[in-house]
Amino acid sequence: MKAAELKDLPVEELNRKAAELRENVFNLRIRHAAGTLDSSADLGKHRRDLARVLTVLNQKKRGAAPAAPAAEKKG
């Protein structure tokens, strides 16, 4: 899931995605603890997706533009 795709979604849809991803992360953590998780990379992937959704959601709520890339800084 790309951040650019998320920026086009309304706040309500982002809230739904965040709730869904929270539930997925919870279930993956339970399966990891039980030893039935096939790929531990799935847990990290879902956590990063949740972080992306929450970042875009916070940006929309604050009305802030996304941060400039670090490569543009001149030192």
N, C-alpha and C. Protein backbone atom coordinates (compact mmCIF):
# COMPACT_ATOMS: atom_id res chain seq x y z
N MET A 1 0.85 -1.17 0.00
CA MET A 1 0.00 0.00 0.00
C MET A 1 0.90 1.24 0.00
N LYS A 2 0.67 2.12 -0.93
CA LYS A 2 1.49 3.32 -1.07
C LYS A 2 0.81 4.52 -0.43
N ALA A 3 1.62 5.43 0.08
CA ALA A 3 1.09 6.63 0.71
C ALA A 3 0.33 7.49 -0.30
N ALA A 4 0.78 7.50 -1.54
CA ALA A 4 0.10 8.29 -2.57
C ALA A 4 -1.33 7.80 -2.79
N GLU A 5 -1.53 6.49 -2.70
CA GLU A 5 -2.88 5.92 -2.84
C GLU A 5 -3.75 6.33 -1.66
N LEU A 6 -3.16 6.38 -0.49
CA LEU A 6 -3.92 6.69 0.72
C LEU A 6 -4.35 8.16 0.77
N LYS A 7 -3.57 9.03 0.17
CA LYS A 7 -3.89 10.46 0.22
C LYS A 7 -5.17 10.80 -0.53
N ASP A 8 -5.56 9.93 -1.46
CA ASP A 8 -6.77 10.17 -2.23
C ASP A 8 -8.03 9.72 -1.50
N LEU A 9 -7.88 8.94 -0.43
CA LEU A 9 -9.04 8.39 0.28
C LEU A 9 -9.59 9.40 1.28
N PRO A 10 -10.90 9.37 1.51
CA PRO A 10 -11.49 10.26 2.53
C PRO A 10 -11.13 9.78 3.93
N VAL A 11 -11.33 10.64 4.91
CA VAL A 11 -10.97 10.36 6.30
C VAL A 11 -11.72 9.14 6.83
N GLU A 12 -12.99 8.99 6.47
CA GLU A 12 -13.77 7.85 6.95
C GLU A 12 -13.17 6.53 6.48
N GLU A 13 -12.75 6.49 5.23
CA GLU A 13 -12.15 5.27 4.69
C GLU A 13 -10.80 4.99 5.37
N LEU A 14 -10.04 6.02 5.65
CA LEU A 14 -8.77 5.84 6.35
C LEU A 14 -8.99 5.31 7.76
N ASN A 15 -10.04 5.79 8.42
CA ASN A 15 -10.37 5.27 9.75
C ASN A 15 -10.74 3.79 9.69
N ARG A 16 -11.49 3.41 8.66
CA ARG A 16 -11.86 2.00 8.50
C ARG A 16 -10.62 1.14 8.24
N LYS A 17 -9.73 1.63 7.38
CA LYS A 17 -8.51 0.89 7.08
C LYS A 17 -7.64 0.74 8.33
N ALA A 18 -7.55 1.80 9.13
CA ALA A 18 -6.75 1.76 10.35
C ALA A 18 -7.32 0.72 11.32
N ALA A 19 -8.64 0.68 11.46
CA ALA A 19 -9.26 -0.30 12.35
C ALA A 19 -9.02 -1.73 11.85
N GLU A 20 -9.13 -1.90 10.56
CA GLU A 20 -8.90 -3.22 9.96
C GLU A 20 -7.45 -3.66 10.16
N LEU A 21 -6.52 -2.75 9.94
CA LEU A 21 -5.10 -3.09 10.10
C LEU A 21 -4.75 -3.35 11.56
N ARG A 22 -5.36 -2.61 12.48
CA ARG A 22 -5.13 -2.87 13.91
C ARG A 22 -5.57 -4.29 14.27
N GLU A 23 -6.71 -4.69 13.74
CA GLU A 23 -7.21 -6.04 14.01
C GLU A 23 -6.28 -7.09 13.40
N ASN A 24 -5.79 -6.83 12.17
CA ASN A 24 -4.87 -7.76 11.53
C ASN A 24 -3.58 -7.89 12.33
N VAL A 25 -3.04 -6.77 12.79
CA VAL A 25 -1.80 -6.80 13.57
C VAL A 25 -2.02 -7.58 14.86
N PHE A 26 -3.15 -7.36 15.50
CA PHE A 26 -3.46 -8.08 16.73
C PHE A 26 -3.50 -9.59 16.47
N ASN A 27 -4.22 -9.99 15.42
CA ASN A 27 -4.32 -11.41 15.10
C ASN A 27 -2.97 -12.02 14.74
N LEU A 28 -2.15 -11.26 14.01
CA LEU A 28 -0.82 -11.76 13.66
C LEU A 28 0.07 -11.90 14.90
N ARG A 29 -0.06 -10.96 15.84
CA ARG A 29 0.72 -11.07 17.08
C ARG A 29 0.31 -12.30 17.88
N ILE A 30 -0.97 -12.59 17.92
CA ILE A 30 -1.46 -13.78 18.62
C ILE A 30 -0.92 -15.04 17.95
N ARG A 31 -1.00 -15.08 16.62
CA ARG A 31 -0.50 -16.25 15.89
C ARG A 31 1.01 -16.41 16.05
N HIS A 32 1.74 -15.28 16.10
CA HIS A 32 3.19 -15.33 16.29
C HIS A 32 3.52 -15.90 17.67
N ALA A 33 2.79 -15.47 18.68
CA ALA A 33 3.01 -15.96 20.04
C ALA A 33 2.68 -17.45 20.15
N ALA A 34 1.67 -17.89 19.40
CA ALA A 34 1.26 -19.29 19.44
C ALA A 34 2.17 -20.17 18.59
N GLY A 35 2.97 -19.54 17.74
CA GLY A 35 3.88 -20.30 16.89
C GLY A 35 3.25 -20.80 15.61
N THR A 36 2.12 -20.27 15.22
CA THR A 36 1.43 -20.72 14.00
C THR A 36 1.55 -19.73 12.85
N LEU A 37 2.35 -18.70 13.03
CA LEU A 37 2.51 -17.70 11.98
C LEU A 37 3.46 -18.23 10.91
N ASP A 38 3.02 -18.22 9.65
CA ASP A 38 3.83 -18.75 8.56
C ASP A 38 5.02 -17.85 8.24
N SER A 39 4.78 -16.55 8.19
CA SER A 39 5.85 -15.62 7.84
C SER A 39 5.83 -14.45 8.80
N SER A 40 6.91 -14.28 9.53
CA SER A 40 6.97 -13.17 10.48
C SER A 40 7.09 -11.83 9.76
N ALA A 41 7.43 -11.85 8.48
CA ALA A 41 7.50 -10.62 7.69
C ALA A 41 6.13 -9.99 7.52
N ASP A 42 5.09 -10.81 7.57
CA ASP A 42 3.72 -10.29 7.44
C ASP A 42 3.40 -9.32 8.58
N LEU A 43 3.87 -9.63 9.76
CA LEU A 43 3.61 -8.78 10.92
C LEU A 43 4.23 -7.40 10.71
N GLY A 44 5.45 -7.35 10.28
CA GLY A 44 6.11 -6.07 10.02
C GLY A 44 5.46 -5.30 8.90
N LYS A 45 5.04 -6.01 7.85
CA LYS A 45 4.38 -5.36 6.72
C LYS A 45 3.08 -4.70 7.15
N HIS A 46 2.29 -5.40 7.93
CA HIS A 46 1.02 -4.84 8.39
C HIS A 46 1.23 -3.68 9.37
N ARG A 47 2.26 -3.77 10.19
CA ARG A 47 2.55 -2.66 11.10
C ARG A 47 2.97 -1.41 10.34
N ARG A 48 3.77 -1.58 9.30
CA ARG A 48 4.18 -0.43 8.48
C ARG A 48 2.99 0.16 7.73
N ASP A 49 2.11 -0.70 7.22
CA ASP A 49 0.91 -0.22 6.54
C ASP A 49 0.03 0.59 7.50
N LEU A 50 -0.10 0.09 8.73
CA LEU A 50 -0.88 0.82 9.73
C LEU A 50 -0.25 2.17 10.01
N ALA A 51 1.06 2.22 10.13
CA ALA A 51 1.75 3.48 10.37
C ALA A 51 1.53 4.45 9.21
N ARG A 52 1.56 3.95 7.98
CA ARG A 52 1.31 4.81 6.82
C ARG A 52 -0.09 5.40 6.86
N VAL A 53 -1.07 4.56 7.16
CA VAL A 53 -2.46 5.01 7.21
C VAL A 53 -2.62 6.07 8.29
N LEU A 54 -2.05 5.82 9.47
CA LEU A 54 -2.18 6.77 10.56
C LEU A 54 -1.46 8.08 10.26
N THR A 55 -0.34 8.02 9.56
CA THR A 55 0.39 9.24 9.18
C THR A 55 -0.45 10.08 8.24
N VAL A 56 -1.00 9.47 7.21
CA VAL A 56 -1.82 10.21 6.25
C VAL A 56 -3.07 10.74 6.94
N LEU A 57 -3.65 9.95 7.82
CA LEU A 57 -4.83 10.38 8.55
C LEU A 57 -4.53 11.61 9.40
N ASN A 58 -3.42 11.60 10.11
CA ASN A 58 -3.04 12.76 10.92
C ASN A 58 -2.75 13.98 10.05
N GLN A 59 -2.13 13.77 8.90
CA GLN A 59 -1.87 14.89 8.00
C GLN A 59 -3.17 15.51 7.51
N LYS A 60 -4.15 14.67 7.20
CA LYS A 60 -5.43 15.19 6.74
C LYS A 60 -6.16 15.92 7.85
N LYS A 61 -6.10 15.38 9.06
CA LYS A 61 -6.79 16.02 10.18
C LYS A 61 -6.17 17.37 10.51
N ARG A 62 -4.87 17.48 10.39
CA ARG A 62 -4.20 18.74 10.68
C ARG A 62 -4.22 19.70 9.50
N GLY A 63 -4.54 19.18 8.33
CA GLY A 63 -4.55 20.01 7.14
C GLY A 63 -3.16 20.36 6.68
N ALA A 64 -2.19 19.56 7.10
CA ALA A 64 -0.79 19.84 6.78
C ALA A 64 -0.41 19.18 5.46
N ALA A 65 0.50 19.82 4.77
CA ALA A 65 1.06 19.24 3.57
C ALA A 65 2.11 18.22 3.99
N PRO A 66 2.34 17.21 3.17
CA PRO A 66 3.35 16.23 3.53
C PRO A 66 4.73 16.87 3.62
N ALA A 67 5.57 16.29 4.46
CA ALA A 67 6.91 16.83 4.69
C ALA A 67 7.74 16.70 3.42
N ALA A 68 8.65 17.65 3.23
CA ALA A 68 9.54 17.62 2.08
C ALA A 68 10.56 16.50 2.26
N PRO A 69 10.97 15.87 1.17
CA PRO A 69 11.96 14.81 1.27
C PRO A 69 13.29 15.34 1.80
N ALA A 70 14.01 14.52 2.50
CA ALA A 70 15.28 14.92 3.11
C ALA A 70 16.35 15.19 2.06
N ALA A 71 16.21 14.65 0.86
CA ALA A 71 17.21 14.82 -0.18
C ALA A 71 17.27 16.27 -0.67
N GLU A 72 16.23 17.05 -0.43
CA GLU A 72 16.22 18.43 -0.90
C GLU A 72 17.00 19.37 0.02
N LYS A 73 17.35 18.91 1.20
CA LYS A 73 18.10 19.76 2.12
C LYS A 73 19.52 19.94 1.62
N LYS A 74 20.00 21.14 1.73
CA LYS A 74 21.39 21.42 1.32
C LYS A 74 22.19 21.73 2.56
N GLY A 75 23.33 21.11 2.68
CA GLY A 75 24.10 21.25 3.90
C GLY A 75 25.35 21.95 3.71
